[in-house]
Amino acid sequence: MKIKTTGFWLSLSGAILILVQTIGNIVGFAVNVQYFNEIVTSICGVLVVVGVLIPTKKSKEDDVEEHTGNSDLNIDDVE
């Protein structure tokens, strides 16, 4: 289920942050983006450890790049 992945929650929090920043610019307040991102990442990390969320899986292409060190390598060339 996609809603239980950390990638989903990090992406959602990023979208919410952009919305809050836009509203903040209109109203006249600023948001510390780095502070917000650290809080959300920490919360997701704790939820992964507790077992509520599952870590986002790497794609097969990421695995090929990691093992070969070649980012231009096509996944079909390896198999």
N, C-alpha and C. Protein backbone atom coordinates (compact mmCIF):
# COMPACT_ATOMS: atom_id res chain seq x y z
N MET A 1 0.84 -1.17 0.00
CA MET A 1 0.00 0.00 0.00
C MET A 1 0.89 1.24 0.00
N LYS A 2 0.69 2.12 -0.93
CA LYS A 2 1.55 3.28 -1.12
C LYS A 2 1.49 4.27 0.05
N ILE A 3 0.37 4.33 0.74
CA ILE A 3 0.22 5.30 1.84
C ILE A 3 1.11 4.94 3.03
N LYS A 4 1.60 3.72 3.10
CA LYS A 4 2.45 3.31 4.21
C LYS A 4 3.94 3.47 3.92
N THR A 5 4.30 4.07 2.79
CA THR A 5 5.71 4.23 2.47
C THR A 5 6.20 5.61 2.89
N THR A 6 7.47 5.66 3.24
CA THR A 6 8.06 6.94 3.66
C THR A 6 8.10 7.92 2.49
N GLY A 7 8.31 7.40 1.29
CA GLY A 7 8.35 8.28 0.11
C GLY A 7 7.06 9.05 -0.08
N PHE A 8 5.93 8.39 0.16
CA PHE A 8 4.63 9.04 0.05
C PHE A 8 4.53 10.20 1.03
N TRP A 9 4.88 9.96 2.27
CA TRP A 9 4.73 10.99 3.31
C TRP A 9 5.72 12.12 3.12
N LEU A 10 6.94 11.81 2.67
CA LEU A 10 7.91 12.88 2.42
C LEU A 10 7.46 13.74 1.23
N SER A 11 6.90 13.10 0.21
CA SER A 11 6.40 13.85 -0.94
C SER A 11 5.20 14.71 -0.56
N LEU A 12 4.29 14.13 0.22
CA LEU A 12 3.12 14.88 0.67
C LEU A 12 3.52 16.07 1.53
N SER A 13 4.47 15.86 2.43
CA SER A 13 4.90 16.97 3.28
C SER A 13 5.57 18.06 2.46
N GLY A 14 6.29 17.68 1.40
CA GLY A 14 6.89 18.68 0.52
C GLY A 14 5.84 19.51 -0.19
N ALA A 15 4.78 18.86 -0.65
CA ALA A 15 3.69 19.58 -1.31
C ALA A 15 2.99 20.52 -0.33
N ILE A 16 2.78 20.06 0.89
CA ILE A 16 2.15 20.90 1.91
C ILE A 16 3.05 22.09 2.24
N LEU A 17 4.34 21.85 2.31
CA LEU A 17 5.28 22.94 2.60
C LEU A 17 5.23 24.02 1.53
N ILE A 18 5.14 23.62 0.27
CA ILE A 18 5.05 24.60 -0.82
C ILE A 18 3.77 25.42 -0.68
N LEU A 19 2.68 24.75 -0.33
CA LEU A 19 1.41 25.46 -0.12
C LEU A 19 1.52 26.46 1.03
N VAL A 20 2.12 26.03 2.15
CA VAL A 20 2.28 26.90 3.31
C VAL A 20 3.19 28.08 2.98
N GLN A 21 4.26 27.83 2.23
CA GLN A 21 5.16 28.92 1.82
C GLN A 21 4.43 29.94 0.95
N THR A 22 3.61 29.46 0.03
CA THR A 22 2.87 30.35 -0.86
C THR A 22 1.90 31.21 -0.06
N ILE A 23 1.17 30.59 0.84
CA ILE A 23 0.24 31.34 1.69
C ILE A 23 1.03 32.30 2.59
N GLY A 24 2.17 31.85 3.09
CA GLY A 24 3.00 32.69 3.93
C GLY A 24 3.50 33.93 3.21
N ASN A 25 3.87 33.78 1.95
CA ASN A 25 4.33 34.94 1.17
C ASN A 25 3.21 35.95 0.97
N ILE A 26 1.99 35.45 0.81
CA ILE A 26 0.84 36.34 0.63
C ILE A 26 0.52 37.07 1.94
N VAL A 27 0.52 36.32 3.05
CA VAL A 27 0.13 36.87 4.34
C VAL A 27 1.27 37.63 5.00
N GLY A 28 2.51 37.20 4.75
CA GLY A 28 3.64 37.93 5.29
C GLY A 28 4.42 37.21 6.38
N PHE A 29 4.48 35.89 6.34
CA PHE A 29 5.32 35.16 7.28
C PHE A 29 6.19 34.17 6.52
N ALA A 30 7.30 33.80 7.13
CA ALA A 30 8.27 32.91 6.47
C ALA A 30 8.32 31.57 7.21
N VAL A 31 8.63 30.51 6.47
CA VAL A 31 8.74 29.17 7.02
C VAL A 31 10.19 28.71 6.85
N ASN A 32 10.77 28.14 7.91
CA ASN A 32 12.11 27.59 7.83
C ASN A 32 12.02 26.20 7.20
N VAL A 33 12.35 26.11 5.92
CA VAL A 33 12.18 24.87 5.16
C VAL A 33 13.06 23.76 5.70
N GLN A 34 14.30 24.05 6.01
CA GLN A 34 15.22 23.02 6.49
C GLN A 34 14.73 22.43 7.82
N TYR A 35 14.27 23.27 8.70
CA TYR A 35 13.74 22.81 10.00
C TYR A 35 12.53 21.91 9.80
N PHE A 36 11.63 22.32 8.93
CA PHE A 36 10.43 21.53 8.64
C PHE A 36 10.79 20.17 8.05
N ASN A 37 11.72 20.14 7.10
CA ASN A 37 12.13 18.88 6.47
C ASN A 37 12.78 17.94 7.48
N GLU A 38 13.59 18.47 8.38
CA GLU A 38 14.23 17.63 9.39
C GLU A 38 13.21 17.01 10.34
N ILE A 39 12.19 17.78 10.71
CA ILE A 39 11.14 17.27 11.58
C ILE A 39 10.38 16.14 10.90
N VAL A 40 9.97 16.34 9.65
CA VAL A 40 9.20 15.32 8.93
C VAL A 40 10.04 14.07 8.71
N THR A 41 11.30 14.22 8.33
CA THR A 41 12.18 13.07 8.12
C THR A 41 12.38 12.30 9.42
N SER A 42 12.53 13.01 10.52
CA SER A 42 12.70 12.34 11.82
C SER A 42 11.45 11.57 12.21
N ILE A 43 10.29 12.17 12.01
CA ILE A 43 9.03 11.49 12.33
C ILE A 43 8.88 10.24 11.48
N CYS A 44 9.18 10.34 10.19
CA CYS A 44 9.09 9.16 9.31
C CYS A 44 10.07 8.08 9.75
N GLY A 45 11.26 8.48 10.15
CA GLY A 45 12.25 7.50 10.62
C GLY A 45 11.77 6.76 11.85
N VAL A 46 11.18 7.47 12.79
CA VAL A 46 10.65 6.83 14.00
C VAL A 46 9.52 5.89 13.64
N LEU A 47 8.64 6.31 12.73
CA LEU A 47 7.52 5.45 12.33
C LEU A 47 7.98 4.20 11.59
N VAL A 48 9.11 4.29 10.87
CA VAL A 48 9.68 3.09 10.23
C VAL A 48 10.20 2.13 11.29
N VAL A 49 10.90 2.66 12.28
CA VAL A 49 11.46 1.82 13.35
C VAL A 49 10.35 1.13 14.13
N VAL A 50 9.27 1.85 14.39
CA VAL A 50 8.14 1.29 15.15
C VAL A 50 7.38 0.27 14.31
N GLY A 51 7.44 0.39 12.99
CA GLY A 51 6.77 -0.57 12.12
C GLY A 51 5.50 -0.04 11.51
N VAL A 52 5.21 1.23 11.70
CA VAL A 52 4.00 1.81 11.13
C VAL A 52 4.18 2.06 9.64
N LEU A 53 5.35 2.57 9.25
CA LEU A 53 5.67 2.82 7.85
C LEU A 53 6.73 1.84 7.37
N ILE A 54 6.77 1.65 6.06
CA ILE A 54 7.83 0.83 5.47
C ILE A 54 8.74 1.74 4.65
N PRO A 55 10.04 1.47 4.64
CA PRO A 55 10.95 2.32 3.85
C PRO A 55 10.61 2.22 2.37
N THR A 56 10.84 3.31 1.65
CA THR A 56 10.60 3.31 0.21
C THR A 56 11.63 2.40 -0.44
N LYS A 57 11.15 1.51 -1.31
CA LYS A 57 12.05 0.57 -1.98
C LYS A 57 12.77 1.27 -3.12
N LYS A 58 14.04 0.88 -3.31
CA LYS A 58 14.80 1.38 -4.45
C LYS A 58 14.34 0.65 -5.69
N SER A 59 14.43 1.32 -6.83
CA SER A 59 14.06 0.68 -8.08
C SER A 59 15.19 -0.24 -8.54
N LYS A 60 14.89 -1.10 -9.48
CA LYS A 60 15.89 -2.01 -10.02
C LYS A 60 17.02 -1.23 -10.68
N GLU A 61 16.67 -0.11 -11.29
CA GLU A 61 17.67 0.73 -11.96
C GLU A 61 18.66 1.31 -10.95
N ASP A 62 18.18 1.67 -9.75
CA ASP A 62 19.06 2.18 -8.71
C ASP A 62 20.05 1.11 -8.28
N ASP A 63 19.59 -0.15 -8.18
CA ASP A 63 20.47 -1.25 -7.80
C ASP A 63 21.57 -1.45 -8.83
N VAL A 64 21.23 -1.38 -10.12
CA VAL A 64 22.21 -1.57 -11.18
C VAL A 64 23.26 -0.46 -11.11
N GLU A 65 22.82 0.77 -10.90
CA GLU A 65 23.74 1.90 -10.83
C GLU A 65 24.67 1.76 -9.63
N GLU A 66 24.13 1.30 -8.52
CA GLU A 66 24.92 1.14 -7.31
C GLU A 66 26.00 0.07 -7.48
N HIS A 67 25.66 -1.04 -8.13
CA HIS A 67 26.60 -2.15 -8.26
C HIS A 67 27.63 -1.92 -9.37
N THR A 68 27.24 -1.20 -10.42
CA THR A 68 28.16 -1.03 -11.54
C THR A 68 28.87 0.32 -11.51
N GLY A 69 28.27 1.29 -10.84
CA GLY A 69 28.85 2.63 -10.81
C GLY A 69 28.63 3.39 -12.10
N ASN A 70 27.79 2.88 -12.98
CA ASN A 70 27.54 3.51 -14.27
C ASN A 70 26.09 3.97 -14.32
N SER A 71 25.88 5.28 -14.26
CA SER A 71 24.51 5.80 -14.26
C SER A 71 23.91 5.81 -15.66
N ASP A 72 24.73 5.65 -16.73
CA ASP A 72 24.22 5.65 -18.09
C ASP A 72 23.86 4.25 -18.57
N LEU A 73 24.04 3.26 -17.74
CA LEU A 73 23.79 1.88 -18.10
C LEU A 73 22.31 1.61 -18.16
N ASN A 74 21.88 0.99 -19.21
CA ASN A 74 20.46 0.63 -19.35
C ASN A 74 20.21 -0.69 -18.60
N ILE A 75 19.10 -0.79 -17.93
CA ILE A 75 18.78 -1.98 -17.14
C ILE A 75 18.70 -3.23 -18.03
N ASP A 76 18.31 -3.07 -19.29
CA ASP A 76 18.20 -4.22 -20.19
C ASP A 76 19.57 -4.75 -20.58
N ASP A 77 20.61 -3.92 -20.48
CA ASP A 77 21.96 -4.36 -20.81
C ASP A 77 22.54 -5.30 -19.76
N VAL A 78 22.00 -5.28 -18.55
CA VAL A 78 22.55 -6.07 -17.46
C VAL A 78 21.98 -7.47 -17.43
N GLU A 79 20.71 -7.60 -17.72
CA GLU A 79 20.06 -8.91 -17.60
C GLU A 79 20.36 -9.84 -18.75
